[in-house]
C-alpha atoms as a PDB file:
ATOM      1  CA  MET A   1      48.559 -20.532   3.351  1.00  0.00           C
ATOM      2  CA  ARG A   2      46.048 -18.294   2.742  1.00  0.00           C
ATOM      3  CA  THR A   3      46.690 -16.528  -0.500  1.00  0.00           C
ATOM      4  CA  ALA A   4      45.029 -12.857  -0.540  1.00  0.00           C
ATOM      5  CA  TRP A   5      42.395 -11.247  -2.848  1.00  0.00           C
ATOM      6  CA  ARG A   6      43.881  -8.834  -4.666  1.00  0.00           C
ATOM      7  CA  PRO A   7      43.543  -7.073  -8.326  1.00  0.00           C
ATOM      8  CA  VAL A   8      45.290  -8.125 -11.029  1.00  0.00           C
ATOM      9  CA  SER A   9      46.365  -7.124 -14.424  1.00  0.00           C
ATOM     10  CA  GLY A  10      43.157  -4.803 -14.164  1.00  0.00           C
ATOM     11  CA  LYS A  11      40.877  -7.661 -13.040  1.00  0.00           C
ATOM     12  CA  LEU A  12      38.684  -7.283  -9.563  1.00  0.00           C
ATOM     13  CA  PHE A  13      39.539 -10.297  -7.648  1.00  0.00           C
ATOM     14  CA  SER A  14      41.137 -12.181 -10.515  1.00  0.00           C
ATOM     15  CA  LYS A  15      38.236 -13.468 -11.562  1.00  0.00           C
ATOM     16  CA  GLY A  16      38.076 -11.925 -15.034  1.00  0.00           C
ATOM     17  CA  ILE A  17      36.041  -8.640 -14.769  1.00  0.00           C
ATOM     18  CA  THR A  18      37.342  -5.429 -15.295  1.00  0.00           C
ATOM     19  CA  PHE A  19      36.892  -2.342 -12.776  1.00  0.00           C
ATOM     20  CA  ARG A  20      34.761  -0.929 -15.206  1.00  0.00           C
ATOM     21  CA  GLU A  21      32.257  -3.982 -15.859  1.00  0.00           C
ATOM     22  CA  GLU A  22      31.773  -3.899 -12.216  1.00  0.00           C
ATOM     23  CA  GLU A  23      31.040   0.090 -12.307  1.00  0.00           C
ATOM     24  CA  GLU A  24      28.363  -0.780 -15.392  1.00  0.00           C
ATOM     25  CA  LYS A  25      26.820  -3.551 -13.394  1.00  0.00           C
ATOM     26  CA  MET A  26      26.535  -1.195  -9.950  1.00  0.00           C
ATOM     27  CA  ALA A  27      25.431   1.756 -11.705  1.00  0.00           C
ATOM     28  CA  ILE A  28      21.928   2.505 -11.808  1.00  0.00           C
ATOM     29  CA  ASN A  29      19.426   3.351 -14.535  1.00  0.00           C
ATOM     30  CA  PRO A  30      17.504   6.511 -13.936  1.00  0.00           C
ATOM     31  CA  THR A  31      14.595   4.820 -16.257  1.00  0.00           C
ATOM     32  CA  SER A  32      14.576   1.244 -14.136  1.00  0.00           C
ATOM     33  CA  ILE A  33      13.269   3.459 -11.095  1.00  0.00           C
ATOM     34  CA  ILE A  34       9.971   5.280 -12.876  1.00  0.00           C
ATOM     35  CA  PRO A  35       7.739   1.693 -12.223  1.00  0.00           C
ATOM     36  CA  TYR A  36       8.429   1.682  -8.760  1.00  0.00           C
ATOM     37  CA  LEU A  37       8.008   5.244  -8.355  1.00  0.00           C
ATOM     38  CA  GLY A  38       4.748   5.197 -10.227  1.00  0.00           C
ATOM     39  CA  ILE A  39       3.829   2.387  -8.114  1.00  0.00           C
ATOM     40  CA  PHE A  40       5.148   4.433  -4.738  1.00  0.00           C
ATOM     41  CA  LEU A  41       2.708   7.445  -6.102  1.00  0.00           C
ATOM     42  CA  ALA A  42      -0.349   4.990  -6.777  1.00  0.00           C
ATOM     43  CA  ALA A  43       0.175   4.060  -3.420  1.00  0.00           C
ATOM     44  CA  VAL A  44      -0.187   6.833  -2.184  1.00  0.00           C
ATOM     45  CA  LEU A  45      -3.647   7.927  -3.379  1.00  0.00           C
ATOM     46  CA  GLU A  46      -4.895   4.691  -3.526  1.00  0.00           C
ATOM     47  CA  GLY A  47      -3.709   1.995  -5.263  1.00  0.00           C
ATOM     48  CA  GLU A  48      -4.869  -1.369  -5.392  1.00  0.00           C
ATOM     49  CA  ILE A  49      -5.484  -1.509  -9.153  1.00  0.00           C
ATOM     50  CA  VAL A  50      -2.204  -0.128  -9.601  1.00  0.00           C
ATOM     51  CA  PHE A  51      -0.412  -2.285  -7.093  1.00  0.00           C
ATOM     52  CA  ALA A  52      -2.027  -5.824  -8.568  1.00  0.00           C
ATOM     53  CA  GLY A  53      -0.772  -4.861 -12.364  1.00  0.00           C
ATOM     54  CA  ALA A  54       2.484  -4.541 -10.906  1.00  0.00           C
ATOM     55  CA  CYS A  55       2.439  -8.054  -8.935  1.00  0.00           C
ATOM     56  CA  VAL A  56       1.293  -9.787 -12.472  1.00  0.00           C
ATOM     57  CA  LEU A  57       4.338  -8.289 -14.188  1.00  0.00           C
ATOM     58  CA  VAL A  58       6.278  -9.251 -10.993  1.00  0.00           C
ATOM     59  CA  THR A  59       5.586 -12.757 -12.521  1.00  0.00           C
ATOM     60  CA  LEU A  60       6.631 -12.326 -15.804  1.00  0.00           C
ATOM     61  CA  GLY A  61       9.666 -11.161 -14.952  1.00  0.00           C
ATOM     62  CA  LYS A  62       9.530  -7.763 -15.634  1.00  0.00           C
ATOM     63  CA  LEU A  63       9.490  -6.316 -11.965  1.00  0.00           C
ATOM     64  CA  ASP A  64      11.648  -7.052  -9.030  1.00  0.00           C
ATOM     65  CA  PRO A  65       9.067  -8.698  -6.057  1.00  0.00           C
ATOM     66  CA  ILE A  66      11.514  -6.414  -3.418  1.00  0.00           C
ATOM     67  CA  GLY A  67      11.284  -3.070  -5.100  1.00  0.00           C
ATOM     68  CA  VAL A  68       7.302  -3.787  -5.886  1.00  0.00           C
ATOM     69  CA  PHE A  69       6.644  -4.372  -2.447  1.00  0.00           C
ATOM     70  CA  ALA A  70       9.172  -1.920  -1.023  1.00  0.00           C
ATOM     71  CA  ALA A  71       7.422   1.097  -3.204  1.00  0.00           C
ATOM     72  CA  GLY A  72       3.620  -0.493  -2.553  1.00  0.00           C
ATOM     73  CA  ALA A  73       4.333  -0.415   1.067  1.00  0.00           C
ATOM     74  CA  LEU A  74       6.242   2.887   1.432  1.00  0.00           C
ATOM     75  CA  GLY A  75       3.916   4.672  -0.503  1.00  0.00           C
ATOM     76  CA  GLY A  76       0.691   3.385   1.291  1.00  0.00           C
ATOM     77  CA  SER A  77       2.111   4.665   4.840  1.00  0.00           C
ATOM     78  CA  ALA A  78       3.497   7.737   3.023  1.00  0.00           C
ATOM     79  CA  GLY A  79      -0.440   8.716   1.884  1.00  0.00           C
ATOM     80  CA  ASP A  80      -1.787   7.669   5.168  1.00  0.00           C
ATOM     81  CA  GLN A  81       0.578   9.790   7.170  1.00  0.00           C
ATOM     82  CA  ALA A  82       0.067  12.519   4.913  1.00  0.00           C
ATOM     83  CA  TYR A  83      -3.335  13.055   5.611  1.00  0.00           C
ATOM     84  CA  PHE A  84      -2.975  12.315   9.227  1.00  0.00           C
ATOM     85  CA  TYR A  85      -0.895  15.521   9.805  1.00  0.00           C
ATOM     86  CA  LEU A  86      -2.858  17.618   7.695  1.00  0.00           C
ATOM     87  CA  PHE A  87      -5.721  16.692   9.943  1.00  0.00           C
ATOM     88  CA  ARG A  88      -3.839  17.237  12.962  1.00  0.00           C
ATOM     89  CA  GLY A  89      -2.953  20.937  11.278  1.00  0.00           C
ATOM     90  CA  ARG A  90      -4.683  22.874   8.892  1.00  0.00           C
ATOM     91  CA  LEU A  91      -7.418  20.825   7.889  1.00  0.00           C
ATOM     92  CA  ARG A  92      -8.455  20.324  11.607  1.00  0.00           C
ATOM     93  CA  GLY A  93     -11.256  22.892  11.031  1.00  0.00           C
ATOM     94  CA  TRP A  94     -12.252  21.354   7.711  1.00  0.00           C
ATOM     95  CA  LEU A  95     -13.832  18.434   9.191  1.00  0.00           C
ATOM     96  CA  GLY A  96     -17.008  20.433  10.861  1.00  0.00           C
ATOM     97  CA  ARG A  97     -18.029  21.146   7.519  1.00  0.00           C
ATOM     98  CA  PHE A  98     -20.223  17.659   7.827  1.00  0.00           C
ATOM     99  CA  SER A  99     -22.983  17.752  10.270  1.00  0.00           C
ATOM    100  CA  ALA A 100     -22.834  13.968  11.023  1.00  0.00           C
ATOM    101  CA  TRP A 101     -18.843  14.609  12.086  1.00  0.00           C
ATOM    102  CA  ARG A 102     -20.302  17.782  14.053  1.00  0.00           C
ATOM    103  CA  HIS A 103     -22.919  15.574  16.008  1.00  0.00           C
ATOM    104  CA  ASN A 104     -20.887  12.508  16.381  1.00  0.00           C
ATOM    105  CA  ARG A 105     -17.393  14.066  17.313  1.00  0.00           C
ATOM    106  CA  HIS A 106     -17.291  12.841  20.713  1.00  0.00           C
ATOM    107  CA  ARG A 107     -18.664   9.263  20.011  1.00  0.00           C
ATOM    108  CA  MET A 108     -16.287   9.023  17.023  1.00  0.00           C
ATOM    109  CA  ASP A 109     -13.089   9.919  19.540  1.00  0.00           C
ATOM    110  CA  TYR A 110     -14.745   7.300  22.346  1.00  0.00           C
ATOM    111  CA  PHE A 111     -14.500   4.963  19.518  1.00  0.00           C
ATOM    112  CA  VAL A 112     -11.167   5.241  18.235  1.00  0.00           C
ATOM    113  CA  GLU A 113     -10.066   5.570  21.680  1.00  0.00           C
ATOM    114  CA  LYS A 114     -10.945   1.957  22.114  1.00  0.00           C
ATOM    115  CA  ASN A 115      -9.995   0.980  18.277  1.00  0.00           C
ATOM    116  CA  SER A 116      -7.374   2.942  17.325  1.00  0.00           C
ATOM    117  CA  THR A 117      -4.612   0.011  17.019  1.00  0.00           C
ATOM    118  CA  ILE A 118      -6.822  -2.305  14.842  1.00  0.00           C
ATOM    119  CA  MET A 119      -8.456   0.966  12.710  1.00  0.00           C
ATOM    120  CA  ILE A 120      -4.677   2.264  11.930  1.00  0.00           C
ATOM    121  CA  LEU A 121      -3.800  -1.445  10.872  1.00  0.00           C
ATOM    122  CA  ALA A 122      -6.871  -2.468   8.836  1.00  0.00           C
ATOM    123  CA  CYS A 123      -6.820   1.481   7.052  1.00  0.00           C
ATOM    124  CA  ARG A 124      -5.561   0.229   3.735  1.00  0.00           C
ATOM    125  CA  PHE A 125      -7.545  -2.949   3.583  1.00  0.00           C
ATOM    126  CA  LEU A 126     -10.898  -0.693   3.794  1.00  0.00           C
ATOM    127  CA  PRO A 127     -10.864   1.265   0.594  1.00  0.00           C
ATOM    128  CA  GLY A 128     -13.623   4.488   1.001  1.00  0.00           C
ATOM    129  CA  LEU A 129     -12.845   5.075   4.777  1.00  0.00           C
ATOM    130  CA  ARG A 130      -9.171   5.568   4.159  1.00  0.00           C
ATOM    131  CA  ILE A 131      -8.933   9.389   4.514  1.00  0.00           C
ATOM    132  CA  ILE A 132     -12.275   9.165   6.824  1.00  0.00           C
ATOM    133  CA  ILE A 133      -9.968   7.001   9.891  1.00  0.00           C
ATOM    134  CA  GLN A 134      -7.201   9.296   9.113  1.00  0.00           C
ATOM    135  CA  ALA A 135      -9.071  12.246  10.407  1.00  0.00           C
ATOM    136  CA  ALA A 136     -10.807  10.253  13.127  1.00  0.00           C
ATOM    137  CA  CYS A 137      -7.380   9.142  14.419  1.00  0.00           C
ATOM    138  CA  ALA A 138      -5.833  12.684  14.195  1.00  0.00           C
ATOM    139  CA  HIS A 139      -9.016  14.315  15.993  1.00  0.00           C
ATOM    140  CA  ALA A 140      -9.008  11.880  18.836  1.00  0.00           C
ATOM    141  CA  GLY A 141      -5.354  12.515  19.755  1.00  0.00           C
ATOM    142  CA  VAL A 142      -3.744   9.535  18.639  1.00  0.00           C
ATOM    143  CA  THR A 143      -0.098  10.299  18.519  1.00  0.00           C
ATOM    144  CA  PRO A 144       2.090  10.488  15.830  1.00  0.00           C
ATOM    145  CA  ILE A 145       4.744   7.776  16.832  1.00  0.00           C
ATOM    146  CA  LYS A 146       1.623   5.477  17.289  1.00  0.00           C
ATOM    147  CA  PHE A 147       0.127   6.370  13.757  1.00  0.00           C
ATOM    148  CA  SER A 148       3.006   6.099  12.018  1.00  0.00           C
ATOM    149  CA  ALA A 149       4.233   2.821  13.273  1.00  0.00           C
ATOM    150  CA  LEU A 150       0.778   1.184  13.155  1.00  0.00           C
ATOM    151  CA  SER A 151       0.523   2.751   9.475  1.00  0.00           C
ATOM    152  CA  LEU A 152       4.134   1.334   8.219  1.00  0.00           C
ATOM    153  CA  VAL A 153       3.243  -2.249   9.382  1.00  0.00           C
ATOM    154  CA  GLY A 154      -0.475  -1.900   7.577  1.00  0.00           C
ATOM    155  CA  SER A 155       0.762  -0.984   4.896  1.00  0.00           C
ATOM    156  CA  ALA A 156       3.548  -3.566   4.786  1.00  0.00           C
ATOM    157  CA  ALA A 157       0.901  -6.401   5.488  1.00  0.00           C
ATOM    158  CA  TRP A 158      -1.308  -4.973   2.329  1.00  0.00           C
ATOM    159  CA  ALA A 159       1.493  -4.548   0.018  1.00  0.00           C
ATOM    160  CA  GLY A 160       2.512  -7.980   1.112  1.00  0.00           C
ATOM    161  CA  ALA A 161      -0.727  -9.967   1.019  1.00  0.00           C
ATOM    162  CA  ILE A 162      -1.572  -8.753  -2.559  1.00  0.00           C
ATOM    163  CA  LEU A 163       2.030  -9.722  -3.828  1.00  0.00           C
ATOM    164  CA  LEU A 164       1.906 -13.174  -2.347  1.00  0.00           C
ATOM    165  CA  GLY A 165      -1.510 -13.795  -3.238  1.00  0.00           C
ATOM    166  CA  VAL A 166      -1.287 -12.358  -7.028  1.00  0.00           C
ATOM    167  CA  ALA A 167       2.659 -12.984  -7.785  1.00  0.00           C
ATOM    168  CA  TYR A 168       2.963 -16.595  -5.654  1.00  0.00           C
ATOM    169  CA  PHE A 169      -0.287 -18.541  -3.881  1.00  0.00           C
ATOM    170  CA  GLY A 170      -2.371 -17.270  -7.047  1.00  0.00           C
ATOM    171  CA  PRO A 171      -0.584 -19.124 -10.079  1.00  0.00           C
ATOM    172  CA  GLU A 172       0.219 -21.781  -7.379  1.00  0.00           C
ATOM    173  CA  ILE A 173      -3.341 -22.347  -6.621  1.00  0.00           C
ATOM    174  CA  PHE A 174      -4.562 -22.395  -9.805  1.00  0.00           C
ATOM    175  CA  GLY A 175      -1.321 -24.564 -11.287  1.00  0.00           C
ATOM    176  CA  ARG A 176      -2.932 -27.342  -9.566  1.00  0.00           C
ATOM    177  CA  PHE A 177      -6.034 -27.289 -11.047  1.00  0.00           C
ATOM    178  CA  GLY A 178      -3.999 -27.438 -14.874  1.00  0.00           C
ATOM    179  CA  VAL A 179      -4.678 -24.152 -15.235  1.00  0.00           C
ATOM    180  CA  LYS A 180      -1.235 -22.254 -16.055  1.00  0.00           C
ATOM    181  CA  GLY A 181       0.680 -19.705 -18.423  1.00  0.00           C
ATOM    182  CA  ASP A 182       2.560 -16.517 -17.947  1.00  0.00           C
ATOM    183  CA  TRP A 183      -0.547 -14.795 -17.447  1.00  0.00           C
ATOM    184  CA  VAL A 184      -2.421 -16.887 -14.981  1.00  0.00           C
ATOM    185  CA  SER A 185      -1.637 -14.168 -12.525  1.00  0.00           C
ATOM    186  CA  LEU A 186      -4.258 -11.801 -14.121  1.00  0.00           C
ATOM    187  CA  ILE A 187      -7.036 -14.412 -12.447  1.00  0.00           C
ATOM    188  CA  PRO A 188      -6.474 -13.336  -8.803  1.00  0.00           C
ATOM    189  CA  ALA A 189      -5.047  -9.734  -9.640  1.00  0.00           C
ATOM    190  CA  LEU A 190      -8.532  -9.298 -11.179  1.00  0.00           C
ATOM    191  CA  PHE A 191     -10.430 -11.054  -8.208  1.00  0.00           C
ATOM    192  CA  LEU A 192      -8.511  -8.800  -5.497  1.00  0.00           C
ATOM    193  CA  ILE A 193      -9.306  -5.725  -7.399  1.00  0.00           C
ATOM    194  CA  GLY A 194     -13.267  -7.093  -7.948  1.00  0.00           C
ATOM    195  CA  LEU A 195     -12.670  -7.459  -4.024  1.00  0.00           C
ATOM    196  CA  PHE A 196     -11.478  -4.347  -3.295  1.00  0.00           C
ATOM    197  CA  LEU A 197     -14.276  -2.479  -5.650  1.00  0.00           C
ATOM    198  CA  CYS A 198     -16.967  -4.289  -3.931  1.00  0.00           C
ATOM    199  CA  VAL A 199     -15.588  -3.145  -0.399  1.00  0.00           C
ATOM    200  CA  ARG A 200     -15.521   0.206  -1.540  1.00  0.00           C
ATOM    201  CA  PHE A 201     -19.143   0.032  -2.758  1.00  0.00           C
ATOM    202  CA  ILE A 202     -20.759  -1.253   0.237  1.00  0.00           C
ATOM    203  CA  ILE A 203     -18.998   0.801   2.678  1.00  0.00           C
ATOM    204  CA  LYS A 204     -20.013   4.065   0.477  1.00  0.00           C
ATOM    205  CA  MET A 205     -23.611   2.775   0.354  1.00  0.00           C
ATOM    206  CA  LYS A 206     -24.242   1.785   4.187  1.00  0.00           C
ATOM    207  CA  GLY A 207     -26.394   3.908   6.352  1.00  0.00           C
ATOM    208  CA  ASN A 208     -27.647   5.463   2.941  1.00  0.00           C
ATOM    209  CA  PRO A 209     -29.389   3.080   0.416  1.00  0.00           C
ATOM    210  CA  GLY A 210     -30.785   4.015  -3.281  1.00  0.00           C
ATOM    211  CA  LYS A 211     -28.771   7.281  -3.039  1.00  0.00           C
ATOM    212  CA  ALA A 212     -25.616   8.845  -3.767  1.00  0.00           C
ATOM    213  CA  PRO A 213     -22.473   8.342  -1.218  1.00  0.00           C
ATOM    214  CA  SER A 214     -22.162  11.379   0.533  1.00  0.00           C
ATOM    215  CA  SER A 215     -19.713  12.585   3.249  1.00  0.00           C
ATOM    216  CA  ASP A 216     -21.585  12.382   6.380  1.00  0.00           C
ATOM    217  CA  SER A 217     -22.426   8.547   5.314  1.00  0.00           C
ATOM    218  CA  LEU A 218     -19.231   7.474   5.031  1.00  0.00           C
ATOM    219  CA  VAL A 219     -18.457   9.153   8.854  1.00  0.00           C
ATOM    220  CA  ASN A 220     -21.264   7.489   9.945  1.00  0.00           C
ATOM    221  CA  SER A 221     -20.296   4.009   7.940  1.00  0.00           C
ATOM    222  CA  VAL A 222     -17.537   4.487  10.921  1.00  0.00           C
ATOM    223  CA  LEU A 223     -19.644   4.252  13.744  1.00  0.00           C
END
């Protein structure tokens, strides 16, 4: 005959855990949310450096991997969508300030219509083109549902790729070569940060060699 679970002498389920102890375990410490809030806000702006650093702290047991992933993915998508909806509304006329945009807007719209899906998914992996891609999608009439859904998928892929590379695959690969230690995850983190910085530099300098990058050169780099 199965015995029903019930409180006995102030204990929870007869396991020796008082109700007060269980409530204390379930209570959320407000200060524990601060690191994840910082990761979220950094991802809204750009966030590669902050997120890679957070992944290093995951390997040290200082942060929860699920919390870091969720904060990075949601923050990245929130930033993308904020720019997208601003360019659909109040900032739509601001694009006309750039000569490259005025001269190529029809060509840009056609390009986005053909490649909008891959552009939105790759947006987080192309630092330096993020705002331009969102503006182009808004101007070309990409539907909000499509943009929001693909933005979430792309940001999740971005966060997952960095987290797995820094916190799991990177240390595992270096460990096979005898490179071990608590801070070995710094190596893949620095590598990814350097990679993102190189991509940003190449994009900004494309089509404008020997000169300071401008907004018009960024528009041209998309095309």
